[in-house]
């Protein structure tokens, strides 16, 4: 069985979407997942799903809405997909905390990409490769010129951004042990 990363959009970033990671792990286990772990308190669940990973992601999303009262997309990626996204990152990385990959629920349409190309971005850069949005902020994300939430709305797909350090850690955590 393969461990997957189940990435929850917009939890524990303030507001009403508080989801303790211990409760997320317990919920995933209740749904039949094994090898359940989380990484930092921002909705990074690593687990082996009891069936097709996309079906588990949908079930987890529905269970979160039922139990906690807020809807959140759960985007699933395996280790190979995260590695490929990291390798394809098209921007120079001067600080991994300023470079992000946002796995998307689907690849945006050509029309959505064209509309998004009109958004102000200042010195920040973005690119979509397949079903991943890549972003590089010239300054820290908190002082970004590019409004990533607006970009995602314009792309008309949901996504959840993780900085490259987090992506690298998820990949390392998903590596099979040699023992």
N, C-alpha and C. Protein backbone atom coordinates (compact mmCIF):
# COMPACT_ATOMS: atom_id res chain seq x y z
N UNK A 1 0.84 -1.19 0.00
CA UNK A 1 0.00 0.00 0.00
C UNK A 1 0.88 1.24 0.00
N UNK A 2 0.37 2.30 -0.59
CA UNK A 2 1.13 3.52 -0.78
C UNK A 2 0.60 4.63 0.12
N UNK A 3 1.52 5.35 0.73
CA UNK A 3 1.16 6.53 1.51
C UNK A 3 0.93 7.69 0.56
N UNK A 4 -0.12 8.44 0.82
CA UNK A 4 -0.44 9.63 0.04
C UNK A 4 -0.49 10.84 0.97
N UNK A 5 -0.30 12.01 0.39
CA UNK A 5 -0.51 13.27 1.11
C UNK A 5 -1.92 13.74 0.79
N UNK A 6 -2.70 13.94 1.83
CA UNK A 6 -4.04 14.49 1.70
C UNK A 6 -3.96 15.90 2.26
N UNK A 7 -4.04 16.88 1.37
CA UNK A 7 -3.79 18.28 1.72
C UNK A 7 -5.11 19.01 1.83
N UNK A 8 -5.40 19.50 3.02
CA UNK A 8 -6.65 20.20 3.27
C UNK A 8 -6.47 21.68 3.02
N UNK A 9 -7.44 22.27 2.33
CA UNK A 9 -7.39 23.69 2.03
C UNK A 9 -7.91 24.49 3.22
N UNK A 10 -7.13 25.48 3.61
CA UNK A 10 -7.57 26.52 4.56
C UNK A 10 -8.08 26.00 5.89
N UNK A 11 -7.28 25.21 6.57
CA UNK A 11 -7.60 24.87 7.95
C UNK A 11 -6.51 25.42 8.86
N UNK A 12 -6.93 25.81 10.04
CA UNK A 12 -6.03 26.32 11.08
C UNK A 12 -5.25 27.56 10.66
N UNK A 13 -5.85 28.35 9.79
CA UNK A 13 -5.21 29.60 9.39
C UNK A 13 -5.98 30.80 9.95
N UNK A 14 -6.81 30.55 10.92
CA UNK A 14 -7.62 31.60 11.53
C UNK A 14 -9.06 31.43 11.10
N UNK A 15 -9.92 32.21 11.74
CA UNK A 15 -11.33 32.14 11.38
C UNK A 15 -12.01 30.92 11.96
N UNK A 16 -12.93 30.36 11.19
CA UNK A 16 -13.79 29.31 11.71
C UNK A 16 -13.31 27.90 11.40
N UNK A 17 -12.26 27.72 10.64
CA UNK A 17 -11.84 26.39 10.20
C UNK A 17 -10.75 25.80 11.08
N UNK A 18 -11.05 25.69 12.35
CA UNK A 18 -10.10 25.10 13.29
C UNK A 18 -10.29 23.58 13.29
N UNK A 19 -9.22 22.87 13.02
CA UNK A 19 -9.26 21.42 13.00
C UNK A 19 -7.96 20.89 13.62
N UNK A 20 -8.02 20.53 14.91
CA UNK A 20 -6.81 20.01 15.55
C UNK A 20 -6.29 18.79 14.79
N UNK A 21 -4.98 18.71 14.61
CA UNK A 21 -4.40 17.63 13.83
C UNK A 21 -4.62 16.27 14.48
N UNK A 22 -4.69 16.20 15.81
CA UNK A 22 -4.98 14.93 16.48
C UNK A 22 -6.38 14.45 16.08
N UNK A 23 -7.32 15.37 15.97
CA UNK A 23 -8.68 15.00 15.57
C UNK A 23 -8.71 14.60 14.09
N UNK A 24 -7.92 15.25 13.26
CA UNK A 24 -7.85 14.87 11.85
C UNK A 24 -7.29 13.45 11.72
N UNK A 25 -6.23 13.15 12.46
CA UNK A 25 -5.67 11.79 12.42
C UNK A 25 -6.70 10.76 12.87
N UNK A 26 -7.42 11.08 13.94
CA UNK A 26 -8.44 10.15 14.45
C UNK A 26 -9.56 9.95 13.43
N UNK A 27 -9.98 11.02 12.80
CA UNK A 27 -11.04 10.93 11.79
C UNK A 27 -10.58 10.08 10.61
N UNK A 28 -9.36 10.28 10.15
CA UNK A 28 -8.82 9.49 9.05
C UNK A 28 -8.79 8.00 9.43
N UNK A 29 -8.40 7.71 10.65
CA UNK A 29 -8.36 6.32 11.11
C UNK A 29 -9.78 5.73 11.18
N UNK A 30 -10.73 6.54 11.64
CA UNK A 30 -12.13 6.08 11.68
C UNK A 30 -12.63 5.71 10.29
N UNK A 31 -12.13 6.41 9.27
CA UNK A 31 -12.53 6.15 7.89
C UNK A 31 -11.74 5.01 7.26
N UNK A 32 -10.87 4.38 8.04
CA UNK A 32 -10.16 3.20 7.57
C UNK A 32 -8.73 3.42 7.12
N UNK A 33 -8.21 4.64 7.22
CA UNK A 33 -6.83 4.90 6.82
C UNK A 33 -5.87 4.27 7.83
N UNK A 34 -4.69 3.91 7.34
CA UNK A 34 -3.64 3.38 8.20
C UNK A 34 -2.38 4.22 8.01
N UNK A 35 -1.38 3.97 8.83
CA UNK A 35 -0.13 4.72 8.77
C UNK A 35 -0.40 6.23 8.78
N UNK A 36 -1.30 6.64 9.65
CA UNK A 36 -1.78 8.02 9.68
C UNK A 36 -0.82 8.92 10.45
N UNK A 37 -0.47 10.05 9.82
CA UNK A 37 0.39 11.05 10.47
C UNK A 37 0.00 12.42 9.92
N UNK A 38 0.38 13.44 10.64
CA UNK A 38 0.20 14.81 10.14
C UNK A 38 1.55 15.52 10.25
N UNK A 39 1.66 16.57 9.45
CA UNK A 39 2.86 17.40 9.50
C UNK A 39 2.41 18.84 9.66
N UNK A 40 2.88 19.50 10.65
CA UNK A 40 2.50 20.84 11.11
C UNK A 40 0.98 21.00 11.11
N UNK A 41 0.51 22.03 11.71
CA UNK A 41 -0.93 22.18 11.96
C UNK A 41 -1.65 22.91 10.84
N UNK A 42 -1.32 22.59 9.60
CA UNK A 42 -1.97 23.30 8.49
C UNK A 42 -2.66 22.36 7.51
N UNK A 43 -3.04 21.17 7.98
CA UNK A 43 -3.82 20.29 7.13
C UNK A 43 -3.03 19.41 6.20
N UNK A 44 -1.89 18.90 6.65
CA UNK A 44 -1.09 17.97 5.86
C UNK A 44 -1.22 16.59 6.50
N UNK A 45 -2.07 15.76 5.91
CA UNK A 45 -2.30 14.41 6.41
C UNK A 45 -1.58 13.43 5.52
N UNK A 46 -0.80 12.56 6.12
CA UNK A 46 -0.13 11.48 5.39
C UNK A 46 -0.78 10.18 5.85
N UNK A 47 -1.22 9.37 4.88
CA UNK A 47 -1.93 8.14 5.25
C UNK A 47 -1.98 7.19 4.07
N UNK A 48 -2.24 5.94 4.40
CA UNK A 48 -2.55 4.93 3.40
C UNK A 48 -4.06 4.77 3.43
N UNK A 49 -4.70 5.04 2.32
CA UNK A 49 -6.16 5.01 2.27
C UNK A 49 -6.66 3.58 2.15
N UNK A 50 -7.89 3.31 2.60
CA UNK A 50 -8.44 1.96 2.55
C UNK A 50 -8.89 1.55 1.15
N UNK A 51 -8.91 2.47 0.23
CA UNK A 51 -9.32 2.21 -1.15
C UNK A 51 -8.69 3.25 -2.04
N UNK A 52 -9.33 3.56 -3.16
CA UNK A 52 -8.77 4.59 -4.05
C UNK A 52 -8.57 5.92 -3.30
N UNK A 53 -7.38 6.51 -3.41
CA UNK A 53 -7.09 7.75 -2.67
C UNK A 53 -8.07 8.89 -2.96
N UNK A 54 -8.53 9.04 -4.19
CA UNK A 54 -9.48 10.11 -4.50
C UNK A 54 -10.81 9.90 -3.78
N UNK A 55 -11.22 8.65 -3.66
CA UNK A 55 -12.47 8.36 -2.94
C UNK A 55 -12.30 8.63 -1.45
N UNK A 56 -11.14 8.28 -0.91
CA UNK A 56 -10.88 8.57 0.51
C UNK A 56 -10.86 10.08 0.74
N UNK A 57 -10.24 10.84 -0.17
CA UNK A 57 -10.19 12.30 -0.03
C UNK A 57 -11.61 12.87 0.00
N UNK A 58 -12.49 12.38 -0.87
CA UNK A 58 -13.88 12.85 -0.89
C UNK A 58 -14.60 12.47 0.40
N UNK A 59 -14.37 11.26 0.88
CA UNK A 59 -15.00 10.83 2.14
C UNK A 59 -14.50 11.65 3.32
N UNK A 60 -13.20 11.94 3.33
CA UNK A 60 -12.63 12.76 4.40
C UNK A 60 -13.22 14.17 4.37
N UNK A 61 -13.33 14.74 3.19
CA UNK A 61 -13.92 16.07 3.05
C UNK A 61 -15.36 16.08 3.58
N UNK A 62 -16.15 15.07 3.21
CA UNK A 62 -17.54 14.98 3.66
C UNK A 62 -17.62 14.80 5.17
N UNK A 63 -16.72 13.98 5.73
CA UNK A 63 -16.72 13.75 7.18
C UNK A 63 -16.35 15.02 7.94
N UNK A 64 -15.41 15.78 7.40
CA UNK A 64 -15.03 17.05 8.05
C UNK A 64 -16.22 18.00 8.05
N UNK A 65 -16.91 18.09 6.92
CA UNK A 65 -18.07 18.99 6.86
C UNK A 65 -19.15 18.55 7.83
N UNK A 66 -19.41 17.26 7.89
CA UNK A 66 -20.45 16.75 8.79
C UNK A 66 -20.08 16.99 10.26
N UNK A 67 -18.83 16.70 10.61
CA UNK A 67 -18.43 16.78 12.02
C UNK A 67 -18.14 18.20 12.48
N UNK A 68 -17.51 19.02 11.61
CA UNK A 68 -17.05 20.34 12.04
C UNK A 68 -17.85 21.49 11.46
N UNK A 69 -18.69 21.22 10.48
CA UNK A 69 -19.58 22.24 9.96
C UNK A 69 -18.97 23.18 8.93
N UNK A 70 -17.81 22.86 8.41
CA UNK A 70 -17.24 23.67 7.32
C UNK A 70 -16.74 22.75 6.22
N UNK A 71 -16.90 23.20 5.00
CA UNK A 71 -16.49 22.41 3.84
C UNK A 71 -15.06 22.78 3.46
N UNK A 72 -14.24 21.78 3.24
CA UNK A 72 -12.87 22.00 2.80
C UNK A 72 -12.52 20.93 1.77
N UNK A 73 -11.89 21.37 0.69
CA UNK A 73 -11.40 20.42 -0.28
C UNK A 73 -10.22 19.66 0.31
N UNK A 74 -10.10 18.41 -0.08
CA UNK A 74 -8.96 17.59 0.29
C UNK A 74 -8.32 17.17 -1.03
N UNK A 75 -7.11 17.63 -1.24
CA UNK A 75 -6.40 17.37 -2.50
C UNK A 75 -5.34 16.32 -2.23
N UNK A 76 -5.33 15.29 -3.06
CA UNK A 76 -4.44 14.16 -2.81
C UNK A 76 -3.30 14.13 -3.83
N UNK A 77 -2.11 13.81 -3.33
CA UNK A 77 -0.93 13.62 -4.18
C UNK A 77 -0.11 12.48 -3.61
N UNK A 78 0.49 11.70 -4.49
CA UNK A 78 1.43 10.69 -4.02
C UNK A 78 2.84 11.28 -4.05
N UNK A 79 3.78 10.51 -3.54
CA UNK A 79 5.16 10.99 -3.45
C UNK A 79 5.72 11.35 -4.82
N UNK A 80 5.44 10.53 -5.83
CA UNK A 80 5.96 10.80 -7.18
C UNK A 80 5.42 12.11 -7.73
N UNK A 81 4.16 12.39 -7.49
CA UNK A 81 3.56 13.64 -7.98
C UNK A 81 4.17 14.85 -7.28
N UNK A 82 4.41 14.74 -5.97
CA UNK A 82 5.04 15.84 -5.25
C UNK A 82 6.48 16.04 -5.71
N UNK A 83 7.19 14.94 -5.91
CA UNK A 83 8.57 15.04 -6.42
C UNK A 83 8.59 15.71 -7.79
N UNK A 84 7.68 15.30 -8.67
CA UNK A 84 7.62 15.87 -10.02
C UNK A 84 7.31 17.37 -9.95
N UNK A 85 6.37 17.75 -9.12
CA UNK A 85 6.02 19.17 -8.99
C UNK A 85 7.23 19.96 -8.49
N UNK A 86 7.94 19.42 -7.53
CA UNK A 86 9.12 20.09 -7.00
C UNK A 86 10.19 20.22 -8.09
N UNK A 87 10.40 19.17 -8.84
CA UNK A 87 11.41 19.20 -9.92
C UNK A 87 11.03 20.16 -11.04
N UNK A 88 9.73 20.34 -11.25
CA UNK A 88 9.25 21.22 -12.33
C UNK A 88 9.12 22.68 -11.92
N UNK A 89 9.37 22.98 -10.65
CA UNK A 89 9.20 24.37 -10.18
C UNK A 89 10.00 25.29 -11.09
N UNK A 90 9.33 26.20 -11.79
CA UNK A 90 9.99 26.94 -12.87
C UNK A 90 10.76 28.19 -12.45
N UNK A 91 10.78 28.49 -11.17
CA UNK A 91 11.40 29.74 -10.73
C UNK A 91 12.65 29.48 -9.90
N UNK A 92 13.57 30.43 -9.98
CA UNK A 92 14.76 30.35 -9.14
C UNK A 92 14.32 30.39 -7.68
N UNK A 93 14.91 29.52 -6.89
CA UNK A 93 14.57 29.46 -5.47
C UNK A 93 15.70 30.11 -4.69
N UNK A 94 15.45 31.33 -4.25
CA UNK A 94 16.43 32.03 -3.42
C UNK A 94 16.11 31.83 -1.94
N UNK A 95 14.85 31.51 -1.66
CA UNK A 95 14.39 31.25 -0.30
C UNK A 95 13.18 30.34 -0.43
N UNK A 96 13.30 29.10 0.06
CA UNK A 96 12.22 28.11 -0.09
C UNK A 96 10.92 28.57 0.57
N UNK A 97 11.01 29.50 1.53
CA UNK A 97 9.81 30.00 2.18
C UNK A 97 9.06 31.00 1.30
N UNK A 98 9.67 31.46 0.22
CA UNK A 98 9.01 32.40 -0.70
C UNK A 98 8.51 31.72 -1.97
N UNK A 99 8.80 30.45 -2.10
CA UNK A 99 8.37 29.69 -3.28
C UNK A 99 7.36 28.64 -2.85
N UNK A 100 6.27 28.54 -3.60
CA UNK A 100 5.15 27.68 -3.23
C UNK A 100 4.71 26.80 -4.39
N UNK A 101 4.16 25.67 -4.03
CA UNK A 101 3.43 24.83 -4.97
C UNK A 101 2.03 24.67 -4.38
N UNK A 102 1.03 24.92 -5.21
CA UNK A 102 -0.36 24.74 -4.80
C UNK A 102 -0.96 23.62 -5.64
N UNK A 103 -1.03 22.40 -5.09
CA UNK A 103 -1.74 21.36 -5.81
C UNK A 103 -3.19 21.79 -6.03
N UNK A 104 -3.68 21.58 -7.24
CA UNK A 104 -5.02 22.01 -7.62
C UNK A 104 -5.94 20.80 -7.75
N UNK A 105 -7.23 21.04 -7.67
CA UNK A 105 -8.20 19.96 -7.84
C UNK A 105 -8.27 19.50 -9.29
N UNK A 106 -7.86 20.36 -10.22
CA UNK A 106 -7.85 20.02 -11.65
C UNK A 106 -7.00 21.07 -12.37
N UNK A 107 -6.63 20.77 -13.59
CA UNK A 107 -5.92 21.76 -14.40
C UNK A 107 -6.91 22.83 -14.84
N UNK A 108 -6.54 24.11 -14.77
CA UNK A 108 -7.43 25.18 -15.21
C UNK A 108 -7.61 25.16 -16.73
N UNK A 109 -8.71 25.73 -17.17
CA UNK A 109 -8.97 25.84 -18.61
C UNK A 109 -8.10 26.93 -19.22
N UNK A 110 -7.97 26.92 -20.53
CA UNK A 110 -7.20 27.95 -21.24
C UNK A 110 -7.81 29.33 -21.00
N UNK A 111 -9.13 29.42 -20.98
CA UNK A 111 -9.79 30.71 -20.74
C UNK A 111 -9.48 31.23 -19.34
N UNK A 112 -9.51 30.33 -18.35
CA UNK A 112 -9.21 30.73 -16.97
C UNK A 112 -7.76 31.19 -16.86
N UNK A 113 -6.86 30.49 -17.52
CA UNK A 113 -5.45 30.89 -17.50
C UNK A 113 -5.26 32.26 -18.13
N UNK A 114 -5.95 32.51 -19.23
CA UNK A 114 -5.85 33.81 -19.90
C UNK A 114 -6.38 34.92 -18.98
N UNK A 115 -7.50 34.68 -18.32
CA UNK A 115 -8.07 35.68 -17.41
C UNK A 115 -7.13 35.93 -16.24
N UNK A 116 -6.53 34.87 -15.72
CA UNK A 116 -5.61 35.01 -14.59
C UNK A 116 -4.36 35.78 -14.99
N UNK A 117 -3.97 35.67 -16.23
CA UNK A 117 -2.80 36.38 -16.71
C UNK A 117 -2.95 37.89 -16.66
N UNK A 118 -4.17 38.36 -16.54
CA UNK A 118 -4.45 39.79 -16.46
C UNK A 118 -4.38 40.35 -15.04
N UNK A 119 -4.27 39.48 -14.06
CA UNK A 119 -4.25 39.94 -12.66
C UNK A 119 -2.93 40.63 -12.33
N UNK A 120 -2.99 41.65 -11.47
CA UNK A 120 -1.74 42.30 -11.04
C UNK A 120 -0.89 41.33 -10.23
N UNK A 121 0.42 41.37 -10.44
CA UNK A 121 1.30 40.47 -9.71
C UNK A 121 2.57 41.14 -9.23
N UNK A 122 2.79 42.40 -9.62
CA UNK A 122 4.01 43.07 -9.20
C UNK A 122 5.22 42.29 -9.63
N UNK A 123 6.15 42.08 -8.71
CA UNK A 123 7.36 41.32 -9.00
C UNK A 123 7.21 39.82 -8.75
N UNK A 124 6.05 39.42 -8.24
CA UNK A 124 5.80 38.00 -7.99
C UNK A 124 5.58 37.29 -9.32
N UNK A 125 5.79 35.98 -9.31
CA UNK A 125 5.63 35.18 -10.52
C UNK A 125 4.75 33.97 -10.22
N UNK A 126 4.01 33.53 -11.24
CA UNK A 126 3.23 32.30 -11.10
C UNK A 126 3.18 31.57 -12.43
N UNK A 127 2.97 30.26 -12.34
CA UNK A 127 2.85 29.42 -13.53
C UNK A 127 2.06 28.19 -13.14
N UNK A 128 1.26 27.71 -14.07
CA UNK A 128 0.54 26.45 -13.85
C UNK A 128 1.19 25.39 -14.72
N UNK A 129 1.55 24.29 -14.09
CA UNK A 129 2.10 23.14 -14.80
C UNK A 129 1.20 21.96 -14.44
N UNK A 130 0.45 21.50 -15.41
CA UNK A 130 -0.51 20.42 -15.15
C UNK A 130 -1.56 20.89 -14.18
N UNK A 131 -1.68 20.18 -13.06
CA UNK A 131 -2.65 20.54 -12.03
C UNK A 131 -1.95 21.08 -10.78
N UNK A 132 -0.85 21.80 -11.02
CA UNK A 132 -0.12 22.44 -9.92
C UNK A 132 0.16 23.90 -10.26
N UNK A 133 -0.13 24.77 -9.31
CA UNK A 133 0.19 26.18 -9.43
C UNK A 133 1.52 26.40 -8.72
N UNK A 134 2.44 27.05 -9.41
CA UNK A 134 3.74 27.39 -8.84
C UNK A 134 3.79 28.90 -8.65
N UNK A 135 4.27 29.33 -7.48
CA UNK A 135 4.32 30.75 -7.16
C UNK A 135 5.68 31.06 -6.55
N UNK A 136 6.23 32.19 -6.95
CA UNK A 136 7.43 32.72 -6.30
C UNK A 136 7.15 34.16 -5.93
N UNK A 137 7.22 34.44 -4.64
CA UNK A 137 7.04 35.81 -4.15
C UNK A 137 8.40 36.48 -4.07
N UNK A 138 8.49 37.68 -4.60
CA UNK A 138 9.74 38.43 -4.52
C UNK A 138 10.06 38.75 -3.07
N UNK A 139 9.03 39.10 -2.32
CA UNK A 139 9.17 39.36 -0.89
C UNK A 139 8.46 38.24 -0.14
N UNK A 140 8.38 38.33 1.13
CA UNK A 140 7.69 37.31 1.92
C UNK A 140 6.23 37.23 1.50
N UNK A 141 5.62 36.06 1.69
CA UNK A 141 4.22 35.86 1.31
C UNK A 141 3.30 36.87 1.99
N UNK A 142 3.65 37.27 3.19
CA UNK A 142 2.84 38.26 3.91
C UNK A 142 2.89 39.65 3.31
N UNK A 143 3.88 39.89 2.43
CA UNK A 143 4.01 41.19 1.76
C UNK A 143 3.92 41.00 0.24
N UNK A 144 3.21 39.98 -0.17
CA UNK A 144 3.15 39.62 -1.59
C UNK A 144 2.36 40.64 -2.40
N UNK A 145 2.80 40.83 -3.64
CA UNK A 145 2.05 41.64 -4.60
C UNK A 145 0.92 40.82 -5.22
N UNK A 146 1.15 39.54 -5.39
CA UNK A 146 0.18 38.64 -5.99
C UNK A 146 -0.81 38.14 -4.94
N UNK A 147 -2.10 38.30 -5.22
CA UNK A 147 -3.14 37.79 -4.34
C UNK A 147 -3.46 36.37 -4.80
N UNK A 148 -2.89 35.38 -4.12
CA UNK A 148 -3.03 33.99 -4.55
C UNK A 148 -4.49 33.53 -4.44
N UNK A 149 -5.21 33.97 -3.43
CA UNK A 149 -6.62 33.59 -3.31
C UNK A 149 -7.41 34.09 -4.52
N UNK A 150 -7.16 35.31 -4.92
CA UNK A 150 -7.84 35.85 -6.11
C UNK A 150 -7.40 35.10 -7.36
N UNK A 151 -6.13 34.76 -7.45
CA UNK A 151 -5.63 33.99 -8.58
C UNK A 151 -6.35 32.65 -8.67
N UNK A 152 -6.49 31.96 -7.55
CA UNK A 152 -7.18 30.67 -7.55
C UNK A 152 -8.65 30.83 -7.95
N UNK A 153 -9.31 31.88 -7.46
CA UNK A 153 -10.70 32.12 -7.87
C UNK A 153 -10.79 32.34 -9.37
N UNK A 154 -9.85 33.09 -9.93
CA UNK A 154 -9.84 33.36 -11.36
C UNK A 154 -9.53 32.10 -12.16
N UNK A 155 -8.67 31.26 -11.63
CA UNK A 155 -8.36 29.99 -12.30
C UNK A 155 -9.54 29.01 -12.22
N UNK A 156 -10.48 29.28 -11.33
CA UNK A 156 -11.72 28.50 -11.18
C UNK A 156 -11.46 27.05 -10.77
N UNK A 157 -10.42 26.85 -9.99
CA UNK A 157 -10.13 25.55 -9.39
C UNK A 157 -9.66 25.79 -7.96
N UNK A 158 -9.93 24.84 -7.10
CA UNK A 158 -9.45 24.96 -5.73
C UNK A 158 -8.01 24.46 -5.67
N UNK A 159 -7.28 25.03 -4.75
CA UNK A 159 -5.89 24.62 -4.53
C UNK A 159 -5.49 24.98 -3.12
N UNK A 160 -4.39 24.41 -2.69
CA UNK A 160 -3.88 24.70 -1.36
C UNK A 160 -2.36 24.79 -1.43
N UNK A 161 -1.84 25.94 -1.11
CA UNK A 161 -0.41 26.20 -1.28
C UNK A 161 0.41 25.71 -0.10
N UNK A 162 1.58 25.17 -0.44
CA UNK A 162 2.57 24.78 0.55
C UNK A 162 3.91 25.31 0.07
N UNK A 163 4.72 25.85 1.01
CA UNK A 163 6.03 26.32 0.57
C UNK A 163 6.92 25.12 0.26
N UNK A 164 8.01 25.39 -0.43
CA UNK A 164 8.85 24.28 -0.89
C UNK A 164 9.45 23.49 0.27
N UNK A 165 9.71 24.14 1.39
CA UNK A 165 10.21 23.40 2.56
C UNK A 165 9.20 22.34 3.00
N UNK A 166 7.93 22.73 3.03
CA UNK A 166 6.88 21.78 3.42
C UNK A 166 6.77 20.65 2.40
N UNK A 167 6.80 20.97 1.12
CA UNK A 167 6.74 19.95 0.08
C UNK A 167 7.91 18.96 0.25
N UNK A 168 9.11 19.49 0.45
CA UNK A 168 10.29 18.63 0.63
C UNK A 168 10.13 17.73 1.86
N UNK A 169 9.61 18.27 2.95
CA UNK A 169 9.42 17.47 4.16
C UNK A 169 8.36 16.40 3.94
N UNK A 170 7.28 16.72 3.24
CA UNK A 170 6.26 15.72 2.95
C UNK A 170 6.86 14.57 2.14
N UNK A 171 7.64 14.90 1.13
CA UNK A 171 8.29 13.88 0.31
C UNK A 171 9.19 13.00 1.17
N UNK A 172 10.03 13.62 2.00
CA UNK A 172 10.94 12.85 2.87
C UNK A 172 10.16 11.96 3.83
N UNK A 173 9.07 12.47 4.38
CA UNK A 173 8.26 11.71 5.33
C UNK A 173 7.58 10.53 4.64
N UNK A 174 7.27 10.67 3.37
CA UNK A 174 6.59 9.60 2.62
C UNK A 174 7.57 8.55 2.10
N UNK A 175 8.87 8.79 2.20
CA UNK A 175 9.86 7.83 1.71
C UNK A 175 9.71 6.52 2.49
N UNK A 176 9.77 5.40 1.80
CA UNK A 176 9.70 4.13 2.53
C UNK A 176 10.96 3.94 3.36
N UNK A 177 10.80 3.32 4.52
CA UNK A 177 11.97 3.08 5.36
C UNK A 177 12.75 1.89 4.82
N UNK A 178 14.02 1.85 5.12
CA UNK A 178 14.88 0.76 4.65
C UNK A 178 14.88 -0.42 5.61
N UNK A 179 14.12 -0.31 6.68
CA UNK A 179 14.16 -1.39 7.67
C UNK A 179 12.92 -2.13 7.63
